[in-house]
Amino acid sequence: MTTHFLGDTAVLLGRSLRHIARSPDTIITTAIMPIAFLLLFVYVFGGAIQTGSDSYVNYLLPGILIMTIASGISYTAYRLFLDIQGGIFERFQSMPIARTAVLWAHVMTSLVANLISLVVVVGVALAMGFRTGASVLGWLAVAGVLVLLTLALTWLAVIPGLTAKSLDGASAFAYPLLFLPFVSSAFVPTETMPGPVRAFAEHQPVTVIVNGIRALFTQQPVGTDIWIALAWCVGILVVAYTFATLAYRRRIS
């Protein structure tokens, strides 16, 4: 049964990746906005923002990586909605394939596409002067957090992909996710924010995830931030997967 599921998922994943290869504008579009913010904040606003860091691009990059993921996962809902509206979804369900393979193929496609976008953004940051003394283990830890976050948010994207009534509705859910980094420690230290805004910023998931990644990049003690970040990622993943599965069952019932 497991072999059947893995084989079906691999075949459908190959189909999705071929679509992306034929139309790479998805990855380009996903990476353009984070890169634009990276350029804007480093070269326009960076000189006026005091972060206590020697290089603002070093301070900024973790938050930009979160924005890259938030931008990319909206395409999961978009592609899933198009499959449903085009009848391809139902066609797959009539075939002798594992039922959840369709969902997992979309999720794994999102993971691959987002990892490519993240590599592109990191490459641009390196060209802009980003430097880190992080060890191989530190880079692997950063990659692990980003992969876990991508999976969590992708399963969150599956829900509107299955339940939205319009194409705009399927992809619009990502807008609040793109807003969260602005009210976090991604761009400025939370200490500079007014009381209520600071309270929100310090108790939302983006701040601890950004702080954990930043500590790994700068070889600083990660403290509890990394564990709280992992707890947020796992919690979002469990809740999103549960509701996505329920929505999927209602769709195919």
Protein backbone atom coordinates (compact mmCIF):
# COMPACT_ATOMS: atom_id res chain seq x y z
CA MET A 1 0.00 0.00 0.00
CA THR A 2 2.82 2.40 0.92
CA THR A 3 4.70 1.54 -2.28
CA HIS A 4 1.51 2.15 -4.28
CA PHE A 5 1.04 5.56 -2.62
CA LEU A 6 4.67 6.60 -3.13
CA GLY A 7 4.66 5.52 -6.76
CA ASP A 8 1.42 7.38 -7.53
CA THR A 9 2.67 10.50 -5.75
CA ALA A 10 5.95 10.39 -7.68
CA VAL A 11 4.13 10.13 -11.02
CA LEU A 12 1.81 13.06 -10.22
CA LEU A 13 4.72 15.07 -8.82
CA GLY A 14 6.56 14.55 -12.11
CA ARG A 15 3.50 15.87 -13.96
CA SER A 16 3.39 19.04 -11.84
CA LEU A 17 7.12 19.65 -12.11
CA ARG A 18 6.95 19.33 -15.90
CA HIS A 19 4.28 22.03 -15.91
CA ILE A 20 6.56 24.29 -13.87
CA ALA A 21 9.53 23.53 -16.14
CA ARG A 22 7.47 24.56 -19.16
CA SER A 23 6.29 27.70 -17.39
CA PRO A 24 9.08 28.88 -15.07
CA ASP A 25 7.33 32.23 -14.58
CA THR A 26 5.77 30.74 -11.43
CA ILE A 27 9.14 30.53 -9.70
CA ILE A 28 10.27 33.85 -11.21
CA THR A 29 7.11 35.59 -9.97
CA THR A 30 7.49 34.00 -6.54
CA ALA A 31 11.07 35.25 -6.19
CA ILE A 32 10.58 38.72 -7.71
CA MET A 33 8.60 40.27 -4.85
CA PRO A 34 10.96 39.14 -2.03
CA ILE A 35 13.96 40.26 -4.09
CA ALA A 36 12.27 43.63 -4.71
CA PHE A 37 11.74 44.06 -0.96
CA LEU A 38 15.34 42.99 -0.32
CA LEU A 39 16.64 45.63 -2.75
CA LEU A 40 14.23 48.30 -1.48
CA PHE A 41 14.96 47.88 2.22
CA VAL A 42 18.72 47.44 1.88
CA TYR A 43 19.42 50.22 -0.62
CA VAL A 44 16.62 52.71 0.16
CA PHE A 45 15.59 52.28 3.79
CA GLY A 46 18.56 50.39 5.21
CA GLY A 47 20.62 53.48 6.03
CA ALA A 48 17.82 54.90 8.18
CA ILE A 49 17.06 51.70 10.12
CA GLN A 50 19.08 50.96 13.24
CA THR A 51 19.25 47.24 14.00
CA GLY A 52 22.53 46.95 15.86
CA SER A 53 23.82 44.73 13.07
CA ASP A 54 26.94 45.48 11.02
CA SER A 55 25.09 44.67 7.82
CA TYR A 56 21.40 45.29 7.28
CA VAL A 57 21.19 42.62 4.57
CA ASN A 58 22.35 40.08 7.17
CA TYR A 59 19.62 41.26 9.52
CA LEU A 60 16.97 41.36 6.81
CA LEU A 61 17.47 38.06 4.96
CA PRO A 62 15.68 35.69 7.41
CA GLY A 63 12.47 37.73 7.11
CA ILE A 64 12.78 37.87 3.31
CA LEU A 65 13.07 34.07 3.23
CA ILE A 66 9.77 33.82 5.16
CA MET A 67 8.16 36.20 2.64
CA THR A 68 9.46 34.04 -0.21
CA ILE A 69 7.67 31.00 1.22
CA ALA A 70 4.47 32.97 1.87
CA SER A 71 4.55 34.23 -1.71
CA GLY A 72 5.19 30.78 -3.15
CA ILE A 73 2.55 28.76 -1.35
CA SER A 74 -0.28 30.82 -2.86
CA TYR A 75 0.46 28.98 -6.12
CA THR A 76 -0.41 25.69 -4.42
CA ALA A 77 -3.96 26.86 -3.84
CA TYR A 78 -3.99 28.31 -7.36
CA ARG A 79 -2.87 25.08 -9.06
CA LEU A 80 -5.15 22.89 -6.96
CA PHE A 81 -8.16 25.12 -7.70
CA LEU A 82 -7.42 24.97 -11.44
CA ASP A 83 -7.20 21.17 -11.34
CA ILE A 84 -10.58 21.01 -9.62
CA GLN A 85 -12.23 23.48 -11.99
CA GLY A 86 -10.73 21.78 -15.04
CA GLY A 87 -12.09 18.38 -14.06
CA ILE A 88 -8.61 16.88 -13.78
CA PHE A 89 -9.08 16.32 -10.07
CA GLU A 90 -12.17 14.17 -10.59
CA ARG A 91 -10.47 12.33 -13.46
CA PHE A 92 -7.61 11.34 -11.17
CA GLN A 93 -10.11 10.16 -8.54
CA SER A 94 -11.67 7.80 -11.10
CA MET A 95 -8.30 6.13 -11.70
CA PRO A 96 -6.85 3.30 -9.62
CA ILE A 97 -4.45 5.54 -7.70
CA ALA A 98 -3.99 6.30 -4.02
CA ARG A 99 -6.58 8.91 -3.11
CA THR A 100 -4.26 11.21 -1.18
CA ALA A 101 -1.53 11.04 -3.84
CA VAL A 102 -3.08 14.02 -5.65
CA LEU A 103 -2.78 16.25 -2.58
CA TRP A 104 0.71 15.09 -1.70
CA ALA A 105 1.88 15.71 -5.27
CA HIS A 106 0.73 19.34 -5.00
CA VAL A 107 2.41 19.67 -1.60
CA MET A 108 5.71 18.23 -2.81
CA THR A 109 5.57 20.43 -5.92
CA SER A 110 5.21 23.44 -3.64
CA LEU A 111 8.18 22.27 -1.58
CA VAL A 112 10.44 21.85 -4.63
CA ALA A 113 9.37 25.17 -6.20
CA ASN A 114 9.83 27.07 -2.94
CA LEU A 115 13.26 25.58 -2.32
CA ILE A 116 14.35 26.77 -5.79
CA SER A 117 12.97 30.25 -5.06
CA LEU A 118 14.77 30.32 -1.69
CA VAL A 119 18.07 29.41 -3.35
CA VAL A 120 17.57 32.24 -5.87
CA VAL A 121 16.85 34.76 -3.08
CA VAL A 122 19.88 33.64 -1.06
CA GLY A 123 22.00 33.97 -4.22
CA VAL A 124 20.83 37.57 -4.70
CA ALA A 125 21.50 38.30 -1.01
CA LEU A 126 25.05 36.95 -1.37
CA ALA A 127 25.58 39.23 -4.36
CA MET A 128 24.36 42.15 -2.20
CA GLY A 129 26.87 41.40 0.54
CA PHE A 130 25.19 38.84 2.77
CA ARG A 131 27.79 36.92 4.73
CA THR A 132 27.47 34.28 7.40
CA GLY A 133 29.87 32.25 9.45
CA ALA A 134 27.30 29.50 9.90
CA SER A 135 28.66 25.98 9.74
CA VAL A 136 27.28 23.25 7.51
CA LEU A 137 25.22 22.09 10.49
CA GLY A 138 23.88 25.61 10.93
CA TRP A 139 22.85 25.79 7.27
CA LEU A 140 21.17 22.40 7.55
CA ALA A 141 19.27 23.62 10.61
CA VAL A 142 18.10 26.71 8.70
CA ALA A 143 17.07 24.53 5.76
CA GLY A 144 15.19 22.21 8.11
CA VAL A 145 13.20 25.07 9.63
CA LEU A 146 12.37 26.49 6.18
CA VAL A 147 11.30 23.08 4.84
CA LEU A 148 9.07 22.47 7.87
CA LEU A 149 7.53 25.94 7.53
CA THR A 150 6.96 25.40 3.80
CA LEU A 151 5.17 22.11 4.46
CA ALA A 152 3.03 23.70 7.17
CA LEU A 153 1.98 26.68 5.05
CA THR A 154 1.49 24.52 1.96
CA TRP A 155 -1.02 22.33 3.77
CA LEU A 156 -2.67 25.56 4.89
CA ALA A 157 -2.86 26.58 1.22
CA VAL A 158 -4.53 23.28 0.32
CA ILE A 159 -7.63 24.29 2.31
CA PRO A 160 -8.61 27.32 0.15
CA GLY A 161 -7.50 25.38 -2.91
CA LEU A 162 -10.19 22.81 -2.13
CA THR A 163 -12.90 25.11 -0.79
CA ALA A 164 -12.60 28.47 -2.61
CA LYS A 165 -15.40 29.55 -4.93
CA SER A 166 -13.18 31.62 -7.22
CA LEU A 167 -9.60 31.75 -8.43
CA ASP A 168 -9.00 35.04 -6.62
CA GLY A 169 -10.35 33.56 -3.41
CA ALA A 170 -8.03 30.57 -3.71
CA SER A 171 -4.87 32.67 -3.81
CA ALA A 172 -5.91 35.70 -1.73
CA PHE A 173 -5.49 33.84 1.57
CA ALA A 174 -1.71 34.37 1.30
CA TYR A 175 -2.02 38.15 1.70
CA PRO A 176 -2.22 38.07 5.52
CA LEU A 177 0.81 35.77 5.57
CA LEU A 178 2.76 38.31 3.52
CA PHE A 179 1.75 41.04 5.98
CA LEU A 180 2.92 39.25 9.13
CA PRO A 181 6.69 39.78 8.54
CA PHE A 182 6.10 43.54 8.57
CA VAL A 183 4.79 43.29 12.14
CA SER A 184 7.66 41.20 13.43
CA SER A 185 11.40 41.43 13.99
CA ALA A 186 12.01 40.78 10.29
CA PHE A 187 12.68 44.41 9.32
CA VAL A 188 13.28 46.24 12.60
CA PRO A 189 13.85 45.19 16.23
CA THR A 190 10.57 44.79 18.10
CA GLU A 191 11.95 47.05 20.86
CA THR A 192 11.39 50.06 18.59
CA MET A 193 7.65 49.40 18.23
CA PRO A 194 4.87 50.96 20.34
CA GLY A 195 3.45 48.83 23.16
CA PRO A 196 0.46 47.00 21.63
CA VAL A 197 2.24 46.47 18.29
CA ARG A 198 5.33 45.19 20.09
CA ALA A 199 3.23 42.78 22.16
CA PHE A 200 1.68 41.34 19.00
CA ALA A 201 5.01 41.20 17.15
CA GLU A 202 6.75 39.34 19.96
CA HIS A 203 4.02 36.71 20.28
CA GLN A 204 3.39 35.81 16.65
CA PRO A 205 5.24 32.97 14.88
CA VAL A 206 7.22 34.98 12.31
CA THR A 207 9.29 36.74 14.99
CA VAL A 208 10.54 33.59 16.71
CA ILE A 209 11.20 31.87 13.36
CA VAL A 210 13.14 34.90 12.09
CA ASN A 211 15.06 35.22 15.36
CA GLY A 212 15.94 31.53 15.32
CA ILE A 213 17.23 31.64 11.72
CA ARG A 214 19.12 34.88 12.39
CA ALA A 215 20.83 33.32 15.40
CA LEU A 216 21.88 30.31 13.32
CA PHE A 217 23.29 32.57 10.60
CA THR A 218 25.25 34.70 13.09
CA GLN A 219 26.40 31.73 15.21
CA GLN A 220 24.68 33.17 18.26
CA PRO A 221 23.03 31.04 20.96
CA VAL A 222 19.56 30.17 19.65
CA GLY A 223 18.07 29.93 23.14
CA THR A 224 14.42 28.95 23.20
CA ASP A 225 13.56 30.75 19.96
CA ILE A 226 14.40 27.80 17.73
CA TRP A 227 12.30 25.40 19.81
CA ILE A 228 9.36 27.78 19.91
CA ALA A 229 9.75 28.26 16.14
CA LEU A 230 9.69 24.50 15.61
CA ALA A 231 6.65 24.20 17.87
CA TRP A 232 4.83 26.84 15.81
CA CYS A 233 5.73 25.07 12.56
CA VAL A 234 4.65 21.65 13.83
CA GLY A 235 1.46 23.07 15.34
CA ILE A 236 0.48 24.84 12.11
CA LEU A 237 1.34 21.69 10.13
CA VAL A 238 -0.83 19.41 12.31
CA VAL A 239 -3.83 21.78 12.31
CA ALA A 240 -3.56 22.58 8.58
CA TYR A 241 -3.13 18.92 7.61
CA THR A 242 -6.16 17.95 9.71
CA PHE A 243 -8.46 20.57 8.18
CA ALA A 244 -7.09 19.99 4.67
CA THR A 245 -7.81 16.27 5.00
CA LEU A 246 -11.35 16.98 6.20
CA ALA A 247 -11.93 19.38 3.29
CA TYR A 248 -10.58 16.78 0.88
CA ARG A 249 -12.88 14.07 2.22
CA ARG A 250 -15.88 16.36 1.82
CA ARG A 251 -14.79 17.17 -1.73
CA ILE A 252 -14.53 13.53 -2.85
CA SER A 253 -17.52 12.23 -0.90
